C-alpha atoms as a PDB file:
ATOM      1  CA  MET A   1     112.285  83.621 114.045  1.00  0.00           C
ATOM      2  CA  SER A   2     109.178  83.640 116.128  1.00  0.00           C
ATOM      3  CA  SER A   3     107.178  80.508 117.100  1.00  0.00           C
ATOM      4  CA  SER A   4     104.197  81.442 115.055  1.00  0.00           C
ATOM      5  CA  HIS A   5     106.395  81.750 111.892  1.00  0.00           C
ATOM      6  CA  SER A   6     108.011  78.211 112.579  1.00  0.00           C
ATOM      7  CA  GLU A   7     104.650  76.706 113.103  1.00  0.00           C
ATOM      8  CA  PHE A   8     103.389  78.130 109.721  1.00  0.00           C
ATOM      9  CA  ALA A   9     106.553  77.177 107.862  1.00  0.00           C
ATOM     10  CA  GLU A  10     105.999  73.524 107.747  1.00  0.00           C
ATOM     11  CA  LEU A  11     107.555  71.833 104.874  1.00  0.00           C
ATOM     12  CA  ASP A  12     104.661  70.341 102.744  1.00  0.00           C
ATOM     13  CA  ASP A  13     105.136  68.009  99.634  1.00  0.00           C
ATOM     14  CA  ILE A  14     104.488  70.634  97.270  1.00  0.00           C
ATOM     15  CA  SER A  15     107.188  72.960  98.774  1.00  0.00           C
ATOM     16  CA  ALA A  16     109.513  70.044  98.918  1.00  0.00           C
ATOM     17  CA  ALA A  17     108.933  69.437  95.215  1.00  0.00           C
ATOM     18  CA  ALA A  18     109.263  72.968  94.394  1.00  0.00           C
ATOM     19  CA  TYR A  19     112.692  73.184  96.362  1.00  0.00           C
ATOM     20  CA  GLY A  20     113.898  70.082  94.472  1.00  0.00           C
ATOM     21  CA  HIS A  21     113.230  71.812  91.055  1.00  0.00           C
ATOM     22  CA  ALA A  22     114.706  75.014  92.140  1.00  0.00           C
ATOM     23  CA  VAL A  23     118.041  73.191  93.107  1.00  0.00           C
ATOM     24  CA  GLU A  24     118.044  71.595  89.617  1.00  0.00           C
ATOM     25  CA  LEU A  25     117.453  74.952  88.011  1.00  0.00           C
ATOM     26  CA  GLY A  26     119.708  76.870  90.363  1.00  0.00           C
ATOM     27  CA  ARG A  27     117.108  79.382  91.119  1.00  0.00           C
ATOM     28  CA  PHE A  28     113.346  79.666  92.015  1.00  0.00           C
ATOM     29  CA  ILE A  29     111.634  80.469  88.612  1.00  0.00           C
ATOM     30  CA  ARG A  30     107.960  80.819  89.357  1.00  0.00           C
ATOM     31  CA  ALA A  31     106.624  80.173  85.933  1.00  0.00           C
ATOM     32  CA  ASP A  32     109.052  77.294  85.194  1.00  0.00           C
ATOM     33  CA  ILE A  33     108.121  75.462  88.463  1.00  0.00           C
ATOM     34  CA  ALA A  34     104.493  76.142  87.920  1.00  0.00           C
ATOM     35  CA  GLN A  35     104.645  74.485  84.677  1.00  0.00           C
ATOM     36  CA  ARG A  36     106.837  71.465  85.583  1.00  0.00           C
ATOM     37  CA  LEU A  37     104.739  70.726  88.720  1.00  0.00           C
ATOM     38  CA  ALA A  38     101.394  71.754  87.227  1.00  0.00           C
ATOM     39  CA  LEU A  39     100.758  74.140  90.166  1.00  0.00           C
ATOM     40  CA  SER A  40      98.498  77.170  90.188  1.00  0.00           C
ATOM     41  CA  PRO A  41      99.964  80.754  90.901  1.00  0.00           C
ATOM     42  CA  ALA A  42      98.588  80.548  94.506  1.00  0.00           C
ATOM     43  CA  GLU A  43     100.252  77.061  95.126  1.00  0.00           C
ATOM     44  CA  VAL A  44     103.549  78.444  93.633  1.00  0.00           C
ATOM     45  CA  GLU A  45     103.421  81.554  95.881  1.00  0.00           C
ATOM     46  CA  HIS A  46     102.559  79.445  98.919  1.00  0.00           C
ATOM     47  CA  ALA A  47     105.808  77.149  98.232  1.00  0.00           C
ATOM     48  CA  GLU A  48     107.925  80.251  97.690  1.00  0.00           C
ATOM     49  CA  LYS A  49     106.804  81.653 101.069  1.00  0.00           C
ATOM     50  CA  VAL A  50     107.367  78.237 103.061  1.00  0.00           C
ATOM     51  CA  LEU A  51     111.050  77.804 101.494  1.00  0.00           C
ATOM     52  CA  THR A  52     111.860  81.511 102.389  1.00  0.00           C
ATOM     53  CA  LEU A  53     110.682  81.257 105.803  1.00  0.00           C
ATOM     54  CA  LEU A  54     112.756  77.927 106.252  1.00  0.00           C
ATOM     55  CA  ARG A  55     115.794  79.933 104.671  1.00  0.00           C
ATOM     56  CA  LEU A  56     115.817  77.243 101.915  1.00  0.00           C
ATOM     57  CA  LEU A  57     115.442  80.092  99.495  1.00  0.00           C
ATOM     58  CA  GLN A  58     117.629  83.232  99.902  1.00  0.00           C
ATOM     59  CA  PRO A  59     118.124  86.494  97.804  1.00  0.00           C
ATOM     60  CA  MET A  60     121.030  86.304  95.374  1.00  0.00           C
ATOM     61  CA  PRO A  61     123.761  88.509  96.305  1.00  0.00           C
ATOM     62  CA  GLY A  62     123.696  91.695  94.231  1.00  0.00           C
ATOM     63  CA  ASP A  63     120.239  90.884  92.963  1.00  0.00           C
ATOM     64  CA  PRO A  64     117.646  90.599  95.814  1.00  0.00           C
ATOM     65  CA  ASN A  65     114.820  89.976  93.408  1.00  0.00           C
ATOM     66  CA  VAL A  66     116.177  86.448  92.296  1.00  0.00           C
ATOM     67  CA  LEU A  67     115.874  83.649  95.010  1.00  0.00           C
ATOM     68  CA  VAL A  68     118.383  80.777  94.918  1.00  0.00           C
ATOM     69  CA  PRO A  69     118.268  77.621  96.781  1.00  0.00           C
ATOM     70  CA  VAL A  70     120.808  76.790  99.509  1.00  0.00           C
ATOM     71  CA  GLY A  71     121.725  73.427 101.254  1.00  0.00           C
ATOM     72  CA  PRO A  72     119.774  72.290 104.111  1.00  0.00           C
ATOM     73  CA  ASP A  73     122.767  72.741 106.483  1.00  0.00           C
ATOM     74  CA  VAL A  74     123.192  76.265 105.735  1.00  0.00           C
ATOM     75  CA  ALA A  75     119.414  76.872 106.020  1.00  0.00           C
ATOM     76  CA  THR A  76     119.423  75.164 109.472  1.00  0.00           C
ATOM     77  CA  ALA A  77     122.384  77.165 110.693  1.00  0.00           C
ATOM     78  CA  ASP A  78     120.868  80.297 109.522  1.00  0.00           C
ATOM     79  CA  LEU A  79     117.490  79.521 110.928  1.00  0.00           C
ATOM     80  CA  VAL A  80     118.488  78.341 114.361  1.00  0.00           C
ATOM     81  CA  SER A  81     121.447  80.521 115.070  1.00  0.00           C
ATOM     82  CA  SER A  82     119.243  83.245 116.646  1.00  0.00           C
ATOM     83  CA  ALA A  83     117.347  80.746 118.832  1.00  0.00           C
ATOM     84  CA  GLU A  84     120.746  79.283 119.854  1.00  0.00           C
ATOM     85  CA  LYS A  85     121.924  82.723 120.766  1.00  0.00           C
ATOM     86  CA  GLN A  86     118.731  83.147 122.867  1.00  0.00           C
ATOM     87  CA  ILE A  87     119.161  79.846 124.471  1.00  0.00           C
ATOM     88  CA  SER A  88     122.799  80.572 125.512  1.00  0.00           C
ATOM     89  CA  VAL A  89     121.727  83.898 126.881  1.00  0.00           C
ATOM     90  CA  LEU A  90     118.757  82.321 129.022  1.00  0.00           C
ATOM     91  CA  GLN A  91     121.355  79.655 130.129  1.00  0.00           C
ATOM     92  CA  GLN A  92     123.764  82.227 131.351  1.00  0.00           C
ATOM     93  CA  ALA A  93     120.836  84.093 133.109  1.00  0.00           C
ATOM     94  CA  VAL A  94     119.796  80.855 134.749  1.00  0.00           C
ATOM     95  CA  THR A  95     123.393  80.245 136.020  1.00  0.00           C
ATOM     96  CA  ASP A  96     123.697  83.814 137.318  1.00  0.00           C
ATOM     97  CA  VAL A  97     120.432  83.610 139.212  1.00  0.00           C
ATOM     98  CA  ARG A  98     121.276  80.236 140.681  1.00  0.00           C
ATOM     99  CA  SER A  99     124.732  81.507 141.783  1.00  0.00           C
ATOM    100  CA  ARG A 100     123.132  84.532 143.294  1.00  0.00           C
ATOM    101  CA  LEU A 101     120.573  82.610 145.098  1.00  0.00           C
ATOM    102  CA  MET A 102     122.821  79.850 146.253  1.00  0.00           C
ATOM    103  CA  SER A 103     125.012  82.509 147.791  1.00  0.00           C
ATOM    104  CA  LEU A 104     122.277  82.853 150.412  1.00  0.00           C
ATOM    105  CA  THR A 105     122.477  79.278 151.684  1.00  0.00           C
ATOM    106  CA  PRO A 106     124.775  80.079 154.617  1.00  0.00           C
ATOM    107  CA  VAL A 107     122.428  82.835 155.576  1.00  0.00           C
ATOM    108  CA  TYR A 108     119.410  80.692 155.212  1.00  0.00           C
ATOM    109  CA  PHE A 109     120.911  77.865 157.437  1.00  0.00           C
ATOM    110  CA  GLU A 110     122.187  80.353 160.099  1.00  0.00           C
ATOM    111  CA  GLY A 111     118.660  81.810 160.248  1.00  0.00           C
ATOM    112  CA  ARG A 112     117.192  78.315 160.590  1.00  0.00           C
ATOM    113  CA  ARG A 113     119.695  77.514 163.354  1.00  0.00           C
ATOM    114  CA  LEU A 114     118.458  80.720 165.350  1.00  0.00           C
ATOM    115  CA  ARG A 115     114.892  80.087 164.542  1.00  0.00           C
ATOM    116  CA  ASN A 116     115.238  76.589 165.936  1.00  0.00           C
ATOM    117  CA  ARG A 117     116.728  77.965 169.095  1.00  0.00           C
ATOM    118  CA  LEU A 118     113.670  80.027 169.459  1.00  0.00           C
ATOM    119  CA  GLU A 119     111.362  77.258 168.521  1.00  0.00           C
ATOM    120  CA  ALA A 120     113.105  74.644 170.904  1.00  0.00           C
ATOM    121  CA  ILE A 121     109.816  74.214 172.659  1.00  0.00           C
ATOM    122  CA  ASP A 122     106.615  73.719 170.850  1.00  0.00           C
ATOM    123  CA  VAL A 123     103.273  73.386 172.777  1.00  0.00           C
ATOM    124  CA  ILE A 124     100.800  71.230 170.711  1.00  0.00           C
ATOM    125  CA  THR A 125      97.338  71.322 171.900  1.00  0.00           C
ATOM    126  CA  ASP A 126      95.625  69.157 169.288  1.00  0.00           C
ATOM    127  CA  PRO A 127      95.640  65.466 170.263  1.00  0.00           C
ATOM    128  CA  ASP A 128      95.360  64.180 166.714  1.00  0.00           C
ATOM    129  CA  THR A 129      98.374  66.259 165.843  1.00  0.00           C
ATOM    130  CA  VAL A 130     100.238  65.025 168.972  1.00  0.00           C
ATOM    131  CA  GLN A 131      99.439  61.402 167.998  1.00  0.00           C
ATOM    132  CA  SER A 132     100.506  62.048 164.379  1.00  0.00           C
ATOM    133  CA  MET A 133     103.981  63.446 165.741  1.00  0.00           C
ATOM    134  CA  LEU A 134     104.425  60.417 168.028  1.00  0.00           C
ATOM    135  CA  ASP A 135     103.816  58.051 165.124  1.00  0.00           C
ATOM    136  CA  HIS A 136     106.356  59.964 163.147  1.00  0.00           C
ATOM    137  CA  PHE A 137     109.041  59.949 165.570  1.00  0.00           C
ATOM    138  CA  SER A 138     108.558  56.252 166.470  1.00  0.00           C
ATOM    139  CA  THR A 139     108.805  55.392 162.785  1.00  0.00           C
ATOM    140  CA  HIS A 140     111.976  57.458 162.287  1.00  0.00           C
ATOM    141  CA  CYS A 141     113.698  56.755 165.502  1.00  0.00           C
ATOM    142  CA  ARG A 142     117.181  55.685 164.862  1.00  0.00           C
ATOM    143  CA  ASP A 143     118.927  54.578 168.153  1.00  0.00           C
ATOM    144  CA  GLU A 144     116.875  54.620 171.403  1.00  0.00           C
ATOM    145  CA  MET A 145     113.460  55.511 172.806  1.00  0.00           C
ATOM    146  CA  ALA A 146     112.981  56.035 176.542  1.00  0.00           C
ATOM    147  CA  SER A 147     109.677  56.408 178.188  1.00  0.00           C
ATOM    148  CA  VAL A 148     108.008  56.842 181.536  1.00  0.00           C
ATOM    149  CA  ALA A 149     104.330  55.812 181.751  1.00  0.00           C
ATOM    150  CA  PRO A 150     102.520  56.725 184.929  1.00  0.00           C
ATOM    151  CA  GLY A 151      99.382  54.963 186.135  1.00  0.00           C
ATOM    152  CA  GLY A 152      98.518  51.231 186.465  1.00  0.00           C
ATOM    153  CA  ALA A 153      96.758  49.097 183.959  1.00  0.00           C
ATOM    154  CA  ARG A 154      97.389  50.210 180.224  1.00  0.00           C
ATOM    155  CA  PRO A 155      94.237  50.338 178.051  1.00  0.00           C
ATOM    156  CA  GLY A 156      93.881  47.399 175.706  1.00  0.00           C
ATOM    157  CA  ALA A 157      94.025  49.645 172.534  1.00  0.00           C
ATOM    158  CA  LEU A 158      96.945  51.503 173.716  1.00  0.00           C
ATOM    159  CA  LEU A 159      98.894  48.198 174.537  1.00  0.00           C
ATOM    160  CA  GLN A 160      97.888  46.826 170.968  1.00  0.00           C
ATOM    161  CA  ALA A 161      99.291  49.979 169.215  1.00  0.00           C
ATOM    162  CA  ALA A 162     102.442  50.092 171.439  1.00  0.00           C
ATOM    163  CA  ARG A 163     103.207  46.449 170.835  1.00  0.00           C
ATOM    164  CA  ALA A 164     103.266  46.961 167.095  1.00  0.00           C
ATOM    165  CA  SER A 165     105.290  50.057 167.563  1.00  0.00           C
ATOM    166  CA  ALA A 166     107.816  48.687 169.975  1.00  0.00           C
ATOM    167  CA  LEU A 167     108.329  45.564 167.922  1.00  0.00           C
ATOM    168  CA  GLY A 168     108.678  47.548 164.672  1.00  0.00           C
ATOM    169  CA  MET A 169     111.400  49.627 166.462  1.00  0.00           C
ATOM    170  CA  ARG A 170     113.130  46.610 167.739  1.00  0.00           C
ATOM    171  CA  GLU A 171     113.296  45.197 164.181  1.00  0.00           C
ATOM    172  CA  ARG A 172     115.373  48.179 163.214  1.00  0.00           C
ATOM    173  CA  GLY A 173     117.589  47.615 166.230  1.00  0.00           C
ATOM    174  CA  VAL A 174     116.245  50.488 168.242  1.00  0.00           C
ATOM    175  CA  ALA A 175     116.932  50.237 172.054  1.00  0.00           C
ATOM    176  CA  ILE A 176     113.797  50.604 174.124  1.00  0.00           C
ATOM    177  CA  ARG A 177     113.498  51.271 177.897  1.00  0.00           C
ATOM    178  CA  THR A 178     110.195  51.996 179.629  1.00  0.00           C
ATOM    179  CA  VAL A 179     109.527  52.731 183.289  1.00  0.00           C
ATOM    180  CA  TYR A 180     106.090  51.830 184.735  1.00  0.00           C
ATOM    181  CA  GLN A 181     104.640  52.202 188.195  1.00  0.00           C
ATOM    182  CA  HIS A 182     104.493  48.983 190.326  1.00  0.00           C
ATOM    183  CA  THR A 183     100.914  48.781 190.182  1.00  0.00           C
ATOM    184  CA  ALA A 184     101.097  48.041 186.404  1.00  0.00           C
ATOM    185  CA  ARG A 185     102.292  44.475 187.473  1.00  0.00           C
ATOM    186  CA  SER A 186      98.773  43.365 188.698  1.00  0.00           C
ATOM    187  CA  ASP A 187      97.216  43.781 185.190  1.00  0.00           C
ATOM    188  CA  LEU A 188      97.229  40.901 183.038  1.00  0.00           C
ATOM    189  CA  ALA A 189      96.891  42.552 179.693  1.00  0.00           C
ATOM    190  CA  THR A 190     100.132  44.726 180.766  1.00  0.00           C
ATOM    191  CA  ARG A 191     101.971  41.709 181.777  1.00  0.00           C
ATOM    192  CA  ALA A 192     101.043  39.985 178.535  1.00  0.00           C
ATOM    193  CA  TYR A 193     102.448  42.940 176.696  1.00  0.00           C
ATOM    194  CA  VAL A 194     105.526  43.180 178.629  1.00  0.00           C
ATOM    195  CA  ARG A 195     106.091  39.432 178.057  1.00  0.00           C
ATOM    196  CA  ASP A 196     105.871  39.849 174.271  1.00  0.00           C
ATOM    197  CA  VAL A 197     107.942  43.023 173.912  1.00  0.00           C
ATOM    198  CA  THR A 198     110.872  41.853 176.518  1.00  0.00           C
ATOM    199  CA  ALA A 199     111.089  38.666 174.473  1.00  0.00           C
ATOM    200  CA  ALA A 200     112.022  40.998 171.479  1.00  0.00           C
ATOM    201  CA  GLY A 201     114.595  42.937 173.522  1.00  0.00           C
ATOM    202  CA  VAL A 202     112.577  45.739 175.208  1.00  0.00           C
ATOM    203  CA  GLU A 203     113.730  46.627 178.823  1.00  0.00           C
ATOM    204  CA  VAL A 204     110.809  47.380 181.286  1.00  0.00           C
ATOM    205  CA  ARG A 205     111.038  48.360 184.902  1.00  0.00           C
ATOM    206  CA  THR A 206     108.692  49.672 187.530  1.00  0.00           C
ATOM    207  CA  ALA A 207     108.844  52.246 190.227  1.00  0.00           C
ATOM    208  CA  ASP A 208     106.642  53.228 193.015  1.00  0.00           C
ATOM    209  CA  GLN A 209     106.132  56.836 191.830  1.00  0.00           C
ATOM    210  CA  VAL A 210     107.060  58.518 188.643  1.00  0.00           C
ATOM    211  CA  ILE A 211     107.173  62.139 187.883  1.00  0.00           C
ATOM    212  CA  ASP A 212     105.019  62.208 184.837  1.00  0.00           C
ATOM    213  CA  ARG A 213     104.565  60.952 181.213  1.00  0.00           C
ATOM    214  CA  ILE A 214     107.920  61.233 179.362  1.00  0.00           C
ATOM    215  CA  LEU A 215     108.960  60.105 175.766  1.00  0.00           C
ATOM    216  CA  ILE A 216     112.557  60.637 174.801  1.00  0.00           C
ATOM    217  CA  TYR A 217     113.569  59.967 171.015  1.00  0.00           C
ATOM    218  CA  ASP A 218     117.247  59.523 170.363  1.00  0.00           C
ATOM    219  CA  ARG A 219     118.151  61.880 173.201  1.00  0.00           C
ATOM    220  CA  GLU A 220     117.188  64.652 170.735  1.00  0.00           C
ATOM    221  CA  THR A 221     113.358  65.210 171.243  1.00  0.00           C
ATOM    222  CA  VAL A 222     111.393  64.962 174.378  1.00  0.00           C
ATOM    223  CA  PHE A 223     107.534  64.764 174.587  1.00  0.00           C
ATOM    224  CA  LEU A 224     105.942  65.994 177.854  1.00  0.00           C
ATOM    225  CA  PRO A 225     102.226  66.312 178.673  1.00  0.00           C
ATOM    226  CA  THR A 226     100.695  69.695 178.989  1.00  0.00           C
ATOM    227  CA  HIS A 227      99.207  68.831 182.297  1.00  0.00           C
ATOM    228  CA  GLY A 228     100.459  67.285 185.573  1.00  0.00           C
ATOM    229  CA  HIS A 229      98.027  64.441 186.000  1.00  0.00           C
ATOM    230  CA  HIS A 230      99.559  61.292 186.718  1.00  0.00           C
ATOM    231  CA  ASP A 231      96.475  59.255 185.924  1.00  0.00           C
ATOM    232  CA  ASP A 232      96.680  59.963 182.286  1.00  0.00           C
ATOM    233  CA  VAL A 233      98.369  56.993 180.562  1.00  0.00           C
ATOM    234  CA  HIS A 234      98.848  58.783 177.028  1.00  0.00           C
ATOM    235  CA  TYR A 235      98.216  62.055 175.329  1.00  0.00           C
ATOM    236  CA  ALA A 236      94.915  61.441 173.707  1.00  0.00           C
ATOM    237  CA  SER A 237      93.234  63.378 176.555  1.00  0.00           C
ATOM    238  CA  GLY A 238      95.316  66.403 176.148  1.00  0.00           C
ATOM    239  CA  GLY A 239      98.295  68.027 174.260  1.00  0.00           C
ATOM    240  CA  ALA A 240     102.088  67.759 174.499  1.00  0.00           C
ATOM    241  CA  ILE A 241     105.164  69.897 174.904  1.00  0.00           C
ATOM    242  CA  VAL A 242     107.836  69.048 172.372  1.00  0.00           C
ATOM    243  CA  VAL A 243     111.251  69.995 173.619  1.00  0.00           C
ATOM    244  CA  ARG A 244     114.229  70.004 171.224  1.00  0.00           C
ATOM    245  CA  GLU A 245     116.561  72.276 173.040  1.00  0.00           C
ATOM    246  CA  PRO A 246     119.735  70.047 173.729  1.00  0.00           C
ATOM    247  CA  THR A 247     120.534  71.216 177.417  1.00  0.00           C
ATOM    248  CA  LEU A 248     116.735  70.510 178.393  1.00  0.00           C
ATOM    249  CA  VAL A 249     116.694  67.348 176.515  1.00  0.00           C
ATOM    250  CA  ALA A 250     119.856  66.207 178.280  1.00  0.00           C
ATOM    251  CA  PHE A 251     118.412  67.235 181.673  1.00  0.00           C
ATOM    252  CA  VAL A 252     115.364  65.171 181.042  1.00  0.00           C
ATOM    253  CA  TYR A 253     117.262  62.184 180.066  1.00  0.00           C
ATOM    254  CA  THR A 254     119.366  62.371 183.212  1.00  0.00           C
ATOM    255  CA  VAL A 255     116.060  62.406 185.040  1.00  0.00           C
ATOM    256  CA  PHE A 256     115.022  59.296 183.238  1.00  0.00           C
ATOM    257  CA  GLU A 257     118.326  57.691 183.943  1.00  0.00           C
ATOM    258  CA  HIS A 258     117.858  58.346 187.668  1.00  0.00           C
ATOM    259  CA  LEU A 259     114.545  56.880 187.789  1.00  0.00           C
ATOM    260  CA  TRP A 260     115.761  53.883 185.670  1.00  0.00           C
ATOM    261  CA  ASP A 261     118.638  53.032 187.941  1.00  0.00           C
ATOM    262  CA  SER A 262     116.017  53.042 191.095  1.00  0.00           C
ATOM    263  CA  ALA A 263     113.494  51.142 189.365  1.00  0.00           C
ATOM    264  CA  THR A 264     112.820  47.256 189.588  1.00  0.00           C
ATOM    265  CA  PRO A 265     112.968  45.003 186.387  1.00  0.00           C
ATOM    266  CA  PHE A 266     109.544  43.928 185.415  1.00  0.00           C
ATOM    267  CA  VAL A 267     109.459  40.098 185.310  1.00  0.00           C
ATOM    268  CA  PRO A 268     105.977  39.391 183.659  1.00  0.00           C
ATOM    269  CA  ASP A 269     105.760  35.935 184.985  1.00  0.00           C
ATOM    270  CA  THR A 270     104.948  37.125 188.456  1.00  0.00           C
ATOM    271  CA  SER A 271     102.402  40.004 189.192  1.00  0.00           C
ATOM    272  CA  ARG A 272     104.807  41.614 191.853  1.00  0.00           C
ATOM    273  CA  THR A 273     108.008  40.727 193.779  1.00  0.00           C
ATOM    274  CA  PRO A 274     108.500  41.132 197.612  1.00  0.00           C
ATOM    275  CA  SER A 275     110.597  44.059 196.947  1.00  0.00           C
ATOM    276  CA  THR A 276     107.948  45.909 194.847  1.00  0.00           C
ATOM    277  CA  ALA A 277     105.241  45.094 197.403  1.00  0.00           C
ATOM    278  CA  ASP A 278     107.514  46.478 200.091  1.00  0.00           C
ATOM    279  CA  ASP A 279     108.170  49.461 198.100  1.00  0.00           C
ATOM    280  CA  LEU A 280     104.487  50.040 197.418  1.00  0.00           C
ATOM    281  CA  LYS A 281     103.706  49.728 201.220  1.00  0.00           C
ATOM    282  CA  GLN A 282     106.445  52.180 202.190  1.00  0.00           C
ATOM    283  CA  SER A 283     105.206  54.587 199.541  1.00  0.00           C
ATOM    284  CA  ILE A 284     101.705  54.609 200.922  1.00  0.00           C
ATOM    285  CA  LEU A 285     103.133  55.042 204.384  1.00  0.00           C
ATOM    286  CA  ARG A 286     105.217  58.006 203.431  1.00  0.00           C
ATOM    287  CA  LEU A 287     102.193  59.628 201.592  1.00  0.00           C
ATOM    288  CA  MET A 288      99.852  58.861 204.346  1.00  0.00           C
ATOM    289  CA  ALA A 289     102.403  60.435 206.999  1.00  0.00           C
ATOM    290  CA  LYS A 290     102.407  63.561 204.774  1.00  0.00           C
ATOM    291  CA  GLY A 291      98.630  63.770 205.313  1.00  0.00           C
ATOM    292  CA  TYR A 292      97.751  62.929 201.694  1.00  0.00           C
ATOM    293  CA  LYS A 293      94.044  61.834 201.229  1.00  0.00           C
ATOM    294  CA  ASP A 294      93.200  58.435 199.688  1.00  0.00           C
ATOM    295  CA  GLU A 295      92.514  60.095 196.234  1.00  0.00           C
ATOM    296  CA  MET A 296      95.959  61.859 196.152  1.00  0.00           C
ATOM    297  CA  VAL A 297      97.779  58.723 197.348  1.00  0.00           C
ATOM    298  CA  ALA A 298      96.036  56.745 194.526  1.00  0.00           C
ATOM    299  CA  ARG A 299      97.048  59.172 192.125  1.00  0.00           C
ATOM    300  CA  ARG A 300     100.496  59.540 193.137  1.00  0.00           C
ATOM    301  CA  LEU A 301     100.869  55.680 192.947  1.00  0.00           C
ATOM    302  CA  GLY A 302      98.973  54.979 189.843  1.00  0.00           C
ATOM    303  CA  MET A 303      96.208  52.764 191.212  1.00  0.00           C
ATOM    304  CA  SER A 304      92.556  53.102 191.696  1.00  0.00           C
ATOM    305  CA  VAL A 305      91.152  54.812 194.883  1.00  0.00           C
ATOM    306  CA  ARG A 306      89.400  51.436 195.786  1.00  0.00           C
ATOM    307  CA  THR A 307      92.743  49.489 195.423  1.00  0.00           C
ATOM    308  CA  CYS A 308      94.476  52.268 197.425  1.00  0.00           C
ATOM    309  CA  ARG A 309      91.859  52.127 200.156  1.00  0.00           C
ATOM    310  CA  ARG A 310      92.396  48.225 200.481  1.00  0.00           C
ATOM    311  CA  HIS A 311      96.161  48.696 200.819  1.00  0.00           C
ATOM    312  CA  ILE A 312      95.546  51.375 203.578  1.00  0.00           C
ATOM    313  CA  SER A 313      93.179  49.181 205.356  1.00  0.00           C
ATOM    314  CA  GLU A 314      95.813  46.298 205.343  1.00  0.00           C
ATOM    315  CA  ILE A 315      98.367  48.672 206.652  1.00  0.00           C
ATOM    316  CA  THR A 316      96.139  50.120 209.185  1.00  0.00           C
ATOM    317  CA  GLU A 317      95.368  46.585 210.402  1.00  0.00           C
ATOM    318  CA  GLU A 318      98.925  45.520 210.448  1.00  0.00           C
ATOM    319  CA  LEU A 319      99.665  48.681 212.565  1.00  0.00           C
ATOM    320  CA  GLU A 320      96.713  47.909 214.911  1.00  0.00           C
ATOM    321  CA  ALA A 321      95.211  51.206 214.363  1.00  0.00           C
ATOM    322  CA  THR A 322      91.676  52.080 214.365  1.00  0.00           C
ATOM    323  CA  SER A 323      92.058  55.364 212.073  1.00  0.00           C
ATOM    324  CA  ARG A 324      94.288  56.847 209.513  1.00  0.00           C
ATOM    325  CA  PHE A 325      95.363  59.384 212.192  1.00  0.00           C
ATOM    326  CA  GLN A 326      96.337  56.565 214.565  1.00  0.00           C
ATOM    327  CA  ALA A 327      98.105  54.634 211.881  1.00  0.00           C
ATOM    328  CA  GLY A 328     100.219  57.621 211.051  1.00  0.00           C
ATOM    329  CA  TYR A 329     101.037  58.091 214.723  1.00  0.00           C
ATOM    330  CA  ASN A 330     101.982  54.502 214.905  1.00  0.00           C
ATOM    331  CA  VAL A 331     104.191  54.791 211.931  1.00  0.00           C
ATOM    332  CA  ALA A 332     105.987  57.852 213.521  1.00  0.00           C
ATOM    333  CA  ILE A 333     106.687  56.146 216.810  1.00  0.00           C
ATOM    334  CA  SER A 334     107.738  52.932 215.138  1.00  0.00           C
ATOM    335  CA  GLY A 335     110.310  54.457 213.108  1.00  0.00           C
ATOM    336  CA  MET A 336     109.308  52.263 210.147  1.00  0.00           C
ATOM    337  CA  LEU A 337     110.039  54.861 207.524  1.00  0.00           C
ATOM    338  CA  ASP A 338     113.287  55.855 209.071  1.00  0.00           C
ATOM    339  CA  GLN A 339     114.284  52.180 209.105  1.00  0.00           C
ATOM    340  CA  HIS A 340     113.236  51.753 205.462  1.00  0.00           C
ATOM    341  CA  THR A 341     115.461  54.857 204.524  1.00  0.00           C
ATOM    342  CA  ARG A 342     118.400  53.371 206.435  1.00  0.00           C
ATOM    343  CA  GLN A 343     117.953  50.099 204.514  1.00  0.00           C
ATOM    344  CA  GLU A 344     117.877  51.975 201.182  1.00  0.00           C
ATOM    345  CA  THR A 345     120.936  54.043 202.004  1.00  0.00           C
ATOM    346  CA  GLU A 346     122.960  50.987 203.084  1.00  0.00           C
ATOM    347  CA  SER A 347     121.936  49.072 199.949  1.00  0.00           C
ATOM    348  CA  GLY A 348     122.741  52.030 197.738  1.00  0.00           C
END
């Protein structure tokens, strides 16, 4: 039966009363029902139509002109049997479709695996997208985050966001290791940040030089800057390269471990230790000996040009030189760098 017939054949009070009298009489006799219920011919016709559509009145076998009432259970079975058959057919069709489509699951995941290999490196140029991805990975990091942050003093807004992120990860038990440059030790805000996060279990060390900005999440995903400028302390000024390829991620993590092992623990109660001061001086000497200009030395060591020139002035005075050239010459003949290299080798 179609839905339009079902909606039309609603059992109203007149039809229900007519059905009751038909059951009492054993058949549906129009004139008798009209008289008993005081119905007009149109009302009797309507009741007959409704009861027929609901299968409560059915033709008598051998005499189709006579309508006899049947029980509601018989009428129900007769009325919904076709619908039940249609439902059964549809259910079987759904099962078949699901079975055929689910059989493609291995093909899908194999394709995803191959696609992921092709998309092992993504270049994200939009800073907002990069920040959104960093927030996502920080929130969902499970075991460890390792990072390298070039440059000196950290911007206040960046430190505030980093503090909230680091403390949130530590609450989830995520291990965090960060390498700054030695010059970050002289910044009060950075020392306050380091004091807060190390109290929560974050490990922070510093080195004289670092290769670039690095973020490693769970040894599975690496963020690298799309540029090679060491004076950028975050990704806000540019994009990022997102690396997921396991071999490349493992390589970057090994580089981080090497840098971490050679770095000096950051104790926030002191701006610098004798060892980091010596490291900084030796780094300046090495870069000066290579002929780097003040701007490049400052960039490599994560300090301002003004601070760099002050250090160079102190070194030049210590070496009793009147120029950078003479300072480089005095360093070469004094063997200061060779002596420092031997000390590092012996201590290692």
